[in-house]
Every structure is written in structure tokens, then in C-alpha cells.
Amino acid sequence: MMNISRQLLLGSLIAVAGFSASAQEFKVGIVNLDRIFREANSAKAAQTKLEAEFGKRDKELNDVATQLKTLSDKFEREAPTLSETQRNTRQKQLVDQDRDFQRKRREFQEDLNARKNEELQQVIERANRVVKTLAEAEKYDLIIQEAVYVNPKHDITDKVLRALNAAGGR
């Protein structure tokens, strides 16, 4: 619903721009945020920072997952030879360990997603400052960040990336 409202607003803006274009030149630019996230030095630095910050926890969780799998396989092999009490006890231990692992994995994902959002927000803020500066310097009337189709002559992503990387991502 919100997307439809945005599209209607965008359509209206473009229609108004079309009417005023006959009176003067209307300059539109399009920025591809996905490319900014992939190619900007500040985005790459943020990704490296996140990997350094969360790499150890991720490795620990992967080690626990491997250990849990090994224990589960061992239980499957030994289950026929165990007494019912032993089998129930080990099965309960495995279930408890798996539940604890799943909880830790969820917490890790939540922490990672929160930090990733923080870092991406900083990249967006830097990119928006660069876009605003570029828009003022080159006298753009409208700059759009999302579009279904973009004529390459209106795509200013390369200019934004050059300015963003030249500014050191500030």
C-alpha cells in the first residue's frame, strides 16, 4: 500500500515535471543504492568492520553446530545398544543443547542485523550528503533513489560513487 502511494507521488511529480519542462529544462537523476552498498569504499569498510566484529562469534557457533552434529550422529549409532534410561537421558541432553544453540544463533543474527542496519544507515547518510551536494552543484531538480526503469543518461550513481570515495566516505 505504501509502495503504491510512493509510486503515485512519483508519477505525479514526473507529470508535473513534464508540464514545467516545456517552460524550462527539468533535470532528473537516479541513484542506485544497491550499487552504492556494493561499490562504495565506506560500504566495503563497514562490511569488513562487521566481519571483524562478528567473525569470532560466527566461528564459535559453527564449531558448536559441528560438535552438536557429531554428538547427534554418535547418539544415532549408539542408541540401539543403550538402555532406555540412557537413551532418554542422552536424547534430552541433545535436545537441550540444540535448543541452547538455536537461541544463541538467533541472538547472533539479531545482533548482526542490528549492527548491519546501523552501518548501512551511516553509508546512506554519507551518500545522501554527497547526492545533495551534487544536486546543488549540477542544478538537479529531482534525484530518485529507487526506480523500476532507468534510462542510463539519468543514472548518476557513478558520479555519486566517485564523490563518495573521493571524500573518503565522510
N, C-alpha and C. Protein backbone atom coordinates (compact mmCIF):
# COMPACT_ATOMS: atom_id res chain seq x y z
N MET A 1 0.83 -1.19 0.00
CA MET A 1 0.00 0.00 0.00
C MET A 1 0.87 1.25 0.00
N MET A 2 1.89 1.24 0.87
CA MET A 2 2.79 2.39 0.96
C MET A 2 3.56 2.54 -0.35
N ASN A 3 3.92 1.42 -0.96
CA ASN A 3 4.66 1.45 -2.21
C ASN A 3 3.81 2.06 -3.32
N ILE A 4 2.51 1.75 -3.33
CA ILE A 4 1.61 2.31 -4.34
C ILE A 4 1.51 3.82 -4.15
N SER A 5 1.42 4.27 -2.91
CA SER A 5 1.36 5.71 -2.64
C SER A 5 2.62 6.41 -3.12
N ARG A 6 3.76 5.78 -2.89
CA ARG A 6 5.03 6.36 -3.34
C ARG A 6 5.06 6.43 -4.86
N GLN A 7 4.56 5.39 -5.52
CA GLN A 7 4.56 5.37 -6.97
C GLN A 7 3.63 6.45 -7.52
N LEU A 8 2.47 6.63 -6.88
CA LEU A 8 1.55 7.67 -7.32
C LEU A 8 2.18 9.05 -7.15
N LEU A 9 2.84 9.26 -6.02
CA LEU A 9 3.51 10.53 -5.77
C LEU A 9 4.60 10.76 -6.80
N LEU A 10 5.39 9.72 -7.05
CA LEU A 10 6.46 9.83 -8.04
C LEU A 10 5.88 10.12 -9.41
N GLY A 11 4.81 9.42 -9.78
CA GLY A 11 4.16 9.66 -11.07
C GLY A 11 3.66 11.09 -11.18
N SER A 12 3.08 11.59 -10.11
CA SER A 12 2.58 12.97 -10.11
C SER A 12 3.72 13.96 -10.28
N LEU A 13 4.82 13.70 -9.56
CA LEU A 13 5.98 14.59 -9.68
C LEU A 13 6.52 14.60 -11.10
N ILE A 14 6.59 13.44 -11.70
CA ILE A 14 7.10 13.36 -13.07
C ILE A 14 6.14 14.05 -14.04
N ALA A 15 4.83 13.90 -13.81
CA ALA A 15 3.85 14.56 -14.67
C ALA A 15 3.97 16.07 -14.55
N VAL A 16 4.10 16.56 -13.32
CA VAL A 16 4.27 18.00 -13.11
C VAL A 16 5.57 18.45 -13.76
N ALA A 17 6.59 17.63 -13.64
CA ALA A 17 7.87 17.97 -14.24
C ALA A 17 7.73 18.06 -15.76
N GLY A 18 6.95 17.17 -16.33
CA GLY A 18 6.73 17.18 -17.77
C GLY A 18 6.07 18.46 -18.22
N PHE A 19 5.09 18.94 -17.46
CA PHE A 19 4.41 20.18 -17.81
C PHE A 19 5.33 21.38 -17.70
N SER A 20 6.16 21.39 -16.66
CA SER A 20 7.05 22.53 -16.49
C SER A 20 8.28 22.43 -17.38
N ALA A 21 8.55 21.25 -17.93
CA ALA A 21 9.72 21.08 -18.79
C ALA A 21 9.61 21.91 -20.06
N SER A 22 8.37 22.16 -20.48
CA SER A 22 8.23 22.98 -21.68
C SER A 22 8.67 24.42 -21.42
N ALA A 23 8.55 24.87 -20.18
CA ALA A 23 8.95 26.23 -19.84
C ALA A 23 10.45 26.32 -19.56
N GLN A 24 11.02 25.27 -19.02
CA GLN A 24 12.43 25.27 -18.70
C GLN A 24 12.95 23.83 -18.66
N GLU A 25 14.25 23.67 -18.62
CA GLU A 25 14.87 22.34 -18.55
C GLU A 25 14.66 21.76 -17.16
N PHE A 26 14.16 20.52 -17.10
CA PHE A 26 13.95 19.82 -15.84
C PHE A 26 14.98 18.70 -15.78
N LYS A 27 15.86 18.75 -14.79
CA LYS A 27 16.97 17.82 -14.72
C LYS A 27 16.71 16.78 -13.64
N VAL A 28 16.70 15.49 -14.05
CA VAL A 28 16.42 14.37 -13.16
C VAL A 28 17.64 13.47 -13.10
N GLY A 29 17.92 12.96 -11.91
CA GLY A 29 18.99 12.00 -11.73
C GLY A 29 18.48 10.80 -10.93
N ILE A 30 19.07 9.65 -11.18
CA ILE A 30 18.70 8.42 -10.48
C ILE A 30 19.95 7.86 -9.82
N VAL A 31 19.80 7.41 -8.57
CA VAL A 31 20.91 6.80 -7.84
C VAL A 31 20.51 5.37 -7.48
N ASN A 32 21.38 4.42 -7.78
CA ASN A 32 21.15 3.02 -7.47
C ASN A 32 21.81 2.70 -6.13
N LEU A 33 20.99 2.59 -5.08
CA LEU A 33 21.52 2.34 -3.73
C LEU A 33 22.20 0.99 -3.62
N ASP A 34 21.70 -0.01 -4.34
CA ASP A 34 22.34 -1.33 -4.28
C ASP A 34 23.81 -1.23 -4.73
N ARG A 35 24.05 -0.47 -5.79
CA ARG A 35 25.44 -0.28 -6.25
C ARG A 35 26.25 0.48 -5.21
N ILE A 36 25.64 1.46 -4.57
CA ILE A 36 26.34 2.21 -3.53
C ILE A 36 26.77 1.25 -2.42
N PHE A 37 25.85 0.38 -2.00
CA PHE A 37 26.16 -0.59 -0.94
C PHE A 37 27.25 -1.58 -1.36
N ARG A 38 27.29 -1.92 -2.64
CA ARG A 38 28.29 -2.88 -3.12
C ARG A 38 29.64 -2.25 -3.42
N GLU A 39 29.64 -1.02 -3.94
CA GLU A 39 30.86 -0.46 -4.51
C GLU A 39 31.50 0.69 -3.74
N ALA A 40 30.78 1.32 -2.86
CA ALA A 40 31.36 2.46 -2.12
C ALA A 40 32.40 1.96 -1.11
N ASN A 41 33.50 2.68 -1.03
CA ASN A 41 34.55 2.30 -0.08
C ASN A 41 34.03 2.27 1.35
N SER A 42 33.16 3.21 1.70
CA SER A 42 32.62 3.22 3.07
C SER A 42 31.76 1.99 3.33
N ALA A 43 31.05 1.51 2.32
CA ALA A 43 30.23 0.30 2.48
C ALA A 43 31.13 -0.93 2.62
N LYS A 44 32.20 -0.96 1.84
CA LYS A 44 33.15 -2.08 1.95
C LYS A 44 33.82 -2.08 3.31
N ALA A 45 34.17 -0.88 3.79
CA ALA A 45 34.80 -0.77 5.11
C ALA A 45 33.83 -1.22 6.20
N ALA A 46 32.56 -0.88 6.06
CA ALA A 46 31.55 -1.30 7.03
C ALA A 46 31.42 -2.81 7.04
N GLN A 47 31.45 -3.43 5.87
CA GLN A 47 31.36 -4.89 5.77
C GLN A 47 32.55 -5.55 6.46
N THR A 48 33.74 -5.00 6.21
CA THR A 48 34.96 -5.53 6.83
C THR A 48 34.88 -5.39 8.35
N LYS A 49 34.38 -4.26 8.80
CA LYS A 49 34.22 -3.99 10.24
C LYS A 49 33.27 -5.01 10.86
N LEU A 50 32.17 -5.28 10.19
CA LEU A 50 31.19 -6.26 10.70
C LEU A 50 31.78 -7.66 10.74
N GLU A 51 32.53 -8.02 9.70
CA GLU A 51 33.16 -9.35 9.69
C GLU A 51 34.14 -9.49 10.84
N ALA A 52 34.90 -8.44 11.11
CA ALA A 52 35.85 -8.48 12.22
C ALA A 52 35.12 -8.56 13.56
N GLU A 53 34.04 -7.81 13.67
CA GLU A 53 33.29 -7.75 14.92
C GLU A 53 32.54 -9.05 15.22
N PHE A 54 32.01 -9.69 14.18
CA PHE A 54 31.16 -10.86 14.39
C PHE A 54 31.78 -12.18 13.93
N GLY A 55 32.96 -12.12 13.35
CA GLY A 55 33.60 -13.34 12.84
C GLY A 55 33.86 -14.38 13.91
N LYS A 56 34.35 -13.94 15.06
CA LYS A 56 34.68 -14.89 16.14
C LYS A 56 33.42 -15.60 16.63
N ARG A 57 32.36 -14.83 16.86
CA ARG A 57 31.10 -15.45 17.32
C ARG A 57 30.54 -16.42 16.29
N ASP A 58 30.64 -16.04 15.02
CA ASP A 58 30.14 -16.90 13.95
C ASP A 58 30.92 -18.21 13.92
N LYS A 59 32.24 -18.12 14.06
CA LYS A 59 33.07 -19.33 14.06
C LYS A 59 32.73 -20.20 15.26
N GLU A 60 32.54 -19.59 16.43
CA GLU A 60 32.18 -20.35 17.63
C GLU A 60 30.85 -21.08 17.43
N LEU A 61 29.88 -20.39 16.85
CA LEU A 61 28.58 -21.02 16.60
C LEU A 61 28.70 -22.16 15.60
N ASN A 62 29.52 -21.98 14.58
CA ASN A 62 29.73 -23.06 13.61
C ASN A 62 30.41 -24.26 14.26
N ASP A 63 31.35 -23.98 15.16
CA ASP A 63 32.01 -25.07 15.89
C ASP A 63 31.01 -25.83 16.77
N VAL A 64 30.13 -25.10 17.44
CA VAL A 64 29.10 -25.73 18.28
C VAL A 64 28.16 -26.57 17.41
N ALA A 65 27.81 -26.05 16.24
CA ALA A 65 26.93 -26.79 15.33
C ALA A 65 27.59 -28.09 14.89
N THR A 66 28.87 -28.03 14.57
CA THR A 66 29.61 -29.24 14.18
C THR A 66 29.67 -30.23 15.33
N GLN A 67 29.95 -29.72 16.51
CA GLN A 67 30.01 -30.58 17.70
C GLN A 67 28.65 -31.23 17.96
N LEU A 68 27.60 -30.46 17.84
CA LEU A 68 26.24 -30.97 18.06
C LEU A 68 25.90 -32.05 17.03
N LYS A 69 26.30 -31.83 15.80
CA LYS A 69 26.06 -32.83 14.74
C LYS A 69 26.81 -34.12 15.05
N THR A 70 28.06 -33.98 15.50
CA THR A 70 28.87 -35.15 15.86
C THR A 70 28.21 -35.93 16.99
N LEU A 71 27.76 -35.22 18.02
CA LEU A 71 27.10 -35.87 19.16
C LEU A 71 25.80 -36.56 18.71
N SER A 72 25.07 -35.92 17.83
CA SER A 72 23.82 -36.50 17.34
C SER A 72 24.08 -37.77 16.53
N ASP A 73 25.11 -37.73 15.69
CA ASP A 73 25.47 -38.91 14.90
C ASP A 73 25.91 -40.06 15.81
N LYS A 74 26.69 -39.72 16.81
CA LYS A 74 27.16 -40.72 17.77
C LYS A 74 25.97 -41.33 18.51
N PHE A 75 25.03 -40.50 18.90
CA PHE A 75 23.83 -40.99 19.59
C PHE A 75 23.05 -41.95 18.69
N GLU A 76 22.89 -41.58 17.41
CA GLU A 76 22.16 -42.43 16.46
C GLU A 76 22.82 -43.81 16.32
N ARG A 77 24.15 -43.81 16.30
CA ARG A 77 24.87 -45.08 16.18
C ARG A 77 24.74 -45.92 17.44
N GLU A 78 24.82 -45.26 18.61
CA GLU A 78 24.84 -45.99 19.88
C GLU A 78 23.46 -46.26 20.46
N ALA A 79 22.43 -45.59 19.97
CA ALA A 79 21.08 -45.70 20.54
C ALA A 79 20.60 -47.14 20.68
N PRO A 80 20.80 -48.00 19.66
CA PRO A 80 20.28 -49.37 19.80
C PRO A 80 20.92 -50.17 20.94
N THR A 81 22.13 -49.79 21.33
CA THR A 81 22.82 -50.55 22.38
C THR A 81 22.62 -49.95 23.77
N LEU A 82 22.01 -48.78 23.86
CA LEU A 82 21.81 -48.13 25.15
C LEU A 82 20.52 -48.62 25.81
N SER A 83 20.53 -48.55 27.14
CA SER A 83 19.28 -48.85 27.85
C SER A 83 18.31 -47.71 27.61
N GLU A 84 17.05 -47.95 27.87
CA GLU A 84 16.04 -46.91 27.61
C GLU A 84 16.31 -45.66 28.44
N THR A 85 16.75 -45.84 29.68
CA THR A 85 17.05 -44.70 30.55
C THR A 85 18.21 -43.88 29.99
N GLN A 86 19.28 -44.58 29.57
CA GLN A 86 20.43 -43.89 29.00
C GLN A 86 20.04 -43.16 27.71
N ARG A 87 19.26 -43.84 26.88
CA ARG A 87 18.82 -43.26 25.61
C ARG A 87 18.00 -42.00 25.86
N ASN A 88 17.06 -42.06 26.80
CA ASN A 88 16.23 -40.89 27.12
C ASN A 88 17.07 -39.75 27.68
N THR A 89 18.03 -40.07 28.54
CA THR A 89 18.89 -39.05 29.14
C THR A 89 19.72 -38.35 28.06
N ARG A 90 20.36 -39.13 27.19
CA ARG A 90 21.19 -38.54 26.14
C ARG A 90 20.34 -37.77 25.14
N GLN A 91 19.16 -38.28 24.85
CA GLN A 91 18.29 -37.58 23.91
C GLN A 91 17.87 -36.23 24.49
N LYS A 92 17.54 -36.22 25.79
CA LYS A 92 17.17 -34.96 26.45
C LYS A 92 18.34 -33.99 26.44
N GLN A 93 19.56 -34.48 26.69
CA GLN A 93 20.74 -33.62 26.64
C GLN A 93 20.92 -33.01 25.25
N LEU A 94 20.75 -33.84 24.23
CA LEU A 94 20.89 -33.33 22.86
C LEU A 94 19.83 -32.27 22.54
N VAL A 95 18.61 -32.50 22.97
CA VAL A 95 17.54 -31.53 22.73
C VAL A 95 17.85 -30.22 23.45
N ASP A 96 18.32 -30.32 24.70
CA ASP A 96 18.67 -29.11 25.47
C ASP A 96 19.82 -28.35 24.80
N GLN A 97 20.84 -29.09 24.36
CA GLN A 97 21.98 -28.45 23.70
C GLN A 97 21.53 -27.80 22.39
N ASP A 98 20.67 -28.47 21.65
CA ASP A 98 20.19 -27.90 20.40
C ASP A 98 19.36 -26.65 20.65
N ARG A 99 18.53 -26.67 21.65
CA ARG A 99 17.71 -25.51 21.99
C ARG A 99 18.61 -24.32 22.37
N ASP A 100 19.65 -24.60 23.16
CA ASP A 100 20.58 -23.55 23.56
C ASP A 100 21.32 -23.00 22.33
N PHE A 101 21.72 -23.90 21.44
CA PHE A 101 22.40 -23.48 20.21
C PHE A 101 21.48 -22.61 19.35
N GLN A 102 20.23 -23.01 19.19
CA GLN A 102 19.28 -22.23 18.38
C GLN A 102 19.06 -20.84 18.97
N ARG A 103 18.99 -20.77 20.30
CA ARG A 103 18.83 -19.47 20.96
C ARG A 103 20.04 -18.58 20.70
N LYS A 104 21.22 -19.14 20.83
CA LYS A 104 22.45 -18.37 20.58
C LYS A 104 22.53 -17.93 19.11
N ARG A 105 22.11 -18.80 18.21
CA ARG A 105 22.13 -18.46 16.78
C ARG A 105 21.18 -17.30 16.50
N ARG A 106 19.98 -17.34 17.12
CA ARG A 106 19.00 -16.24 16.94
C ARG A 106 19.56 -14.93 17.49
N GLU A 107 20.14 -14.99 18.68
CA GLU A 107 20.72 -13.78 19.28
C GLU A 107 21.82 -13.21 18.40
N PHE A 108 22.64 -14.11 17.85
CA PHE A 108 23.72 -13.68 16.96
C PHE A 108 23.13 -12.97 15.74
N GLN A 109 22.13 -13.57 15.10
CA GLN A 109 21.51 -12.97 13.92
C GLN A 109 20.89 -11.61 14.24
N GLU A 110 20.23 -11.52 15.39
CA GLU A 110 19.63 -10.24 15.78
C GLU A 110 20.69 -9.17 15.99
N ASP A 111 21.77 -9.53 16.67
CA ASP A 111 22.86 -8.58 16.91
C ASP A 111 23.51 -8.17 15.58
N LEU A 112 23.76 -9.15 14.72
CA LEU A 112 24.38 -8.87 13.43
C LEU A 112 23.48 -7.96 12.59
N ASN A 113 22.19 -8.28 12.54
CA ASN A 113 21.27 -7.46 11.74
C ASN A 113 21.18 -6.03 12.28
N ALA A 114 21.15 -5.88 13.59
CA ALA A 114 21.09 -4.54 14.18
C ALA A 114 22.33 -3.73 13.82
N ARG A 115 23.51 -4.35 13.95
CA ARG A 115 24.75 -3.64 13.62
C ARG A 115 24.85 -3.35 12.13
N LYS A 116 24.41 -4.30 11.31
CA LYS A 116 24.43 -4.10 9.86
C LYS A 116 23.55 -2.93 9.49
N ASN A 117 22.37 -2.83 10.10
CA ASN A 117 21.47 -1.71 9.83
C ASN A 117 22.11 -0.39 10.25
N GLU A 118 22.80 -0.38 11.39
CA GLU A 118 23.49 0.84 11.84
C GLU A 118 24.55 1.27 10.82
N GLU A 119 25.35 0.32 10.38
CA GLU A 119 26.42 0.62 9.43
C GLU A 119 25.84 1.08 8.08
N LEU A 120 24.81 0.39 7.60
CA LEU A 120 24.21 0.78 6.32
C LEU A 120 23.55 2.15 6.42
N GLN A 121 22.98 2.47 7.56
CA GLN A 121 22.38 3.79 7.75
C GLN A 121 23.45 4.88 7.63
N GLN A 122 24.63 4.62 8.18
CA GLN A 122 25.72 5.59 8.06
C GLN A 122 26.15 5.76 6.60
N VAL A 123 26.19 4.66 5.86
CA VAL A 123 26.54 4.73 4.43
C VAL A 123 25.48 5.54 3.69
N ILE A 124 24.21 5.29 3.99
CA ILE A 124 23.11 6.03 3.35
C ILE A 124 23.21 7.52 3.66
N GLU A 125 23.49 7.85 4.91
CA GLU A 125 23.59 9.27 5.29
C GLU A 125 24.74 9.94 4.54
N ARG A 126 25.88 9.26 4.44
CA ARG A 126 27.02 9.83 3.68
C ARG A 126 26.64 10.00 2.21
N ALA A 127 26.03 8.97 1.65
CA ALA A 127 25.63 9.03 0.24
C ALA A 127 24.62 10.16 0.01
N ASN A 128 23.68 10.32 0.92
CA ASN A 128 22.68 11.38 0.77
C ASN A 128 23.32 12.77 0.82
N ARG A 129 24.33 12.93 1.67
CA ARG A 129 25.04 14.22 1.71
C ARG A 129 25.73 14.49 0.37
N VAL A 130 26.36 13.45 -0.18
CA VAL A 130 27.03 13.59 -1.47
C VAL A 130 26.01 13.89 -2.56
N VAL A 131 24.87 13.20 -2.54
CA VAL A 131 23.83 13.42 -3.55
C VAL A 131 23.32 14.85 -3.46
N LYS A 132 23.10 15.34 -2.25
CA LYS A 132 22.60 16.71 -2.07
C LYS A 132 23.62 17.72 -2.61
N THR A 133 24.88 17.51 -2.30
CA THR A 133 25.93 18.41 -2.79
C THR A 133 25.99 18.38 -4.32
N LEU A 134 25.93 17.18 -4.87
CA LEU A 134 25.95 17.01 -6.33
C LEU A 134 24.72 17.66 -6.97
N ALA A 135 23.57 17.48 -6.35
CA ALA A 135 22.33 18.06 -6.89
C ALA A 135 22.41 19.58 -6.92
N GLU A 136 22.95 20.16 -5.87
CA GLU A 136 23.07 21.62 -5.81
C GLU A 136 24.11 22.12 -6.81
N ALA A 137 25.24 21.41 -6.89
CA ALA A 137 26.31 21.85 -7.78
C ALA A 137 25.93 21.73 -9.25
N GLU A 138 25.21 20.67 -9.61
CA GLU A 138 24.86 20.44 -11.01
C GLU A 138 23.41 20.82 -11.33
N LYS A 139 22.77 21.46 -10.37
CA LYS A 139 21.42 22.00 -10.55
C LYS A 139 20.38 20.96 -10.99
N TYR A 140 20.34 19.86 -10.24
CA TYR A 140 19.29 18.84 -10.47
C TYR A 140 18.01 19.31 -9.81
N ASP A 141 16.88 19.05 -10.47
CA ASP A 141 15.58 19.38 -9.91
C ASP A 141 15.03 18.23 -9.07
N LEU A 142 15.41 17.00 -9.43
CA LEU A 142 14.89 15.82 -8.74
C LEU A 142 15.90 14.69 -8.84
N ILE A 143 16.17 14.05 -7.70
CA ILE A 143 17.02 12.86 -7.69
C ILE A 143 16.24 11.77 -6.98
N ILE A 144 16.14 10.63 -7.65
CA ILE A 144 15.36 9.49 -7.16
C ILE A 144 16.31 8.36 -6.81
N GLN A 145 16.01 7.65 -5.72
CA GLN A 145 16.87 6.54 -5.31
C GLN A 145 16.34 5.18 -5.73
N GLU A 146 15.08 5.06 -6.06
CA GLU A 146 14.53 3.77 -6.48
C GLU A 146 13.68 3.98 -7.73
N ALA A 147 13.87 3.13 -8.70
CA ALA A 147 13.08 3.23 -9.92
C ALA A 147 12.98 1.85 -10.56
N VAL A 148 11.90 1.62 -11.26
CA VAL A 148 11.71 0.36 -11.95
C VAL A 148 12.59 0.32 -13.19
N TYR A 149 12.64 1.42 -13.91
CA TYR A 149 13.45 1.52 -15.11
C TYR A 149 14.20 2.84 -15.08
N VAL A 150 15.45 2.79 -15.52
CA VAL A 150 16.27 4.00 -15.57
C VAL A 150 16.95 4.09 -16.92
N ASN A 151 16.72 5.20 -17.60
CA ASN A 151 17.47 5.48 -18.81
C ASN A 151 18.89 5.80 -18.35
N PRO A 152 19.89 5.14 -18.89
CA PRO A 152 21.28 5.35 -18.43
C PRO A 152 21.73 6.81 -18.42
N LYS A 153 21.14 7.65 -19.25
CA LYS A 153 21.56 9.05 -19.27
C LYS A 153 21.17 9.77 -17.97
N HIS A 154 20.23 9.22 -17.21
CA HIS A 154 19.81 9.83 -15.95
C HIS A 154 20.48 9.20 -14.73
N ASP A 155 21.20 8.09 -14.93
CA ASP A 155 21.83 7.38 -13.80
C ASP A 155 23.09 8.13 -13.38
N ILE A 156 23.08 8.66 -12.17
CA ILE A 156 24.23 9.42 -11.67
C ILE A 156 24.99 8.64 -10.59
N THR A 157 24.73 7.34 -10.50
CA THR A 157 25.37 6.52 -9.47
C THR A 157 26.89 6.59 -9.55
N ASP A 158 27.45 6.55 -10.76
CA ASP A 158 28.91 6.62 -10.91
C ASP A 158 29.46 7.92 -10.33
N LYS A 159 28.79 9.03 -10.60
CA LYS A 159 29.22 10.33 -10.05
C LYS A 159 29.18 10.31 -8.53
N VAL A 160 28.11 9.74 -7.99
CA VAL A 160 27.97 9.68 -6.53
C VAL A 160 29.06 8.81 -5.94
N LEU A 161 29.33 7.65 -6.56
CA LEU A 161 30.38 6.77 -6.06
C LEU A 161 31.74 7.45 -6.10
N ARG A 162 32.05 8.13 -7.22
CA ARG A 162 33.34 8.83 -7.31
C ARG A 162 33.47 9.88 -6.20
N ALA A 163 32.42 10.66 -6.01
CA ALA A 163 32.46 11.72 -4.98
C ALA A 163 32.53 11.11 -3.58
N LEU A 164 31.77 10.06 -3.36
CA LEU A 164 31.74 9.40 -2.05
C LEU A 164 33.10 8.79 -1.73
N ASN A 165 33.70 8.12 -2.70
CA ASN A 165 35.02 7.51 -2.49
C ASN A 165 36.11 8.56 -2.38
N ALA A 166 36.00 9.64 -3.14
CA ALA A 166 36.99 10.72 -3.07
C ALA A 166 36.95 11.42 -1.72
N ALA A 167 35.74 11.51 -1.16
CA ALA A 167 35.59 12.16 0.14
C ALA A 167 35.99 11.23 1.27
N GLY A 168 36.40 10.02 0.94
CA GLY A 168 36.80 9.08 1.98
C GLY A 168 35.60 8.57 2.74
N GLY A 169 34.40 8.70 2.19
CA GLY A 169 33.20 8.21 2.83
C GLY A 169 32.69 9.07 3.95
N ARG A 170 33.26 10.29 4.09
CA ARG A 170 32.82 11.17 5.18
C ARG A 170 31.45 11.69 4.96
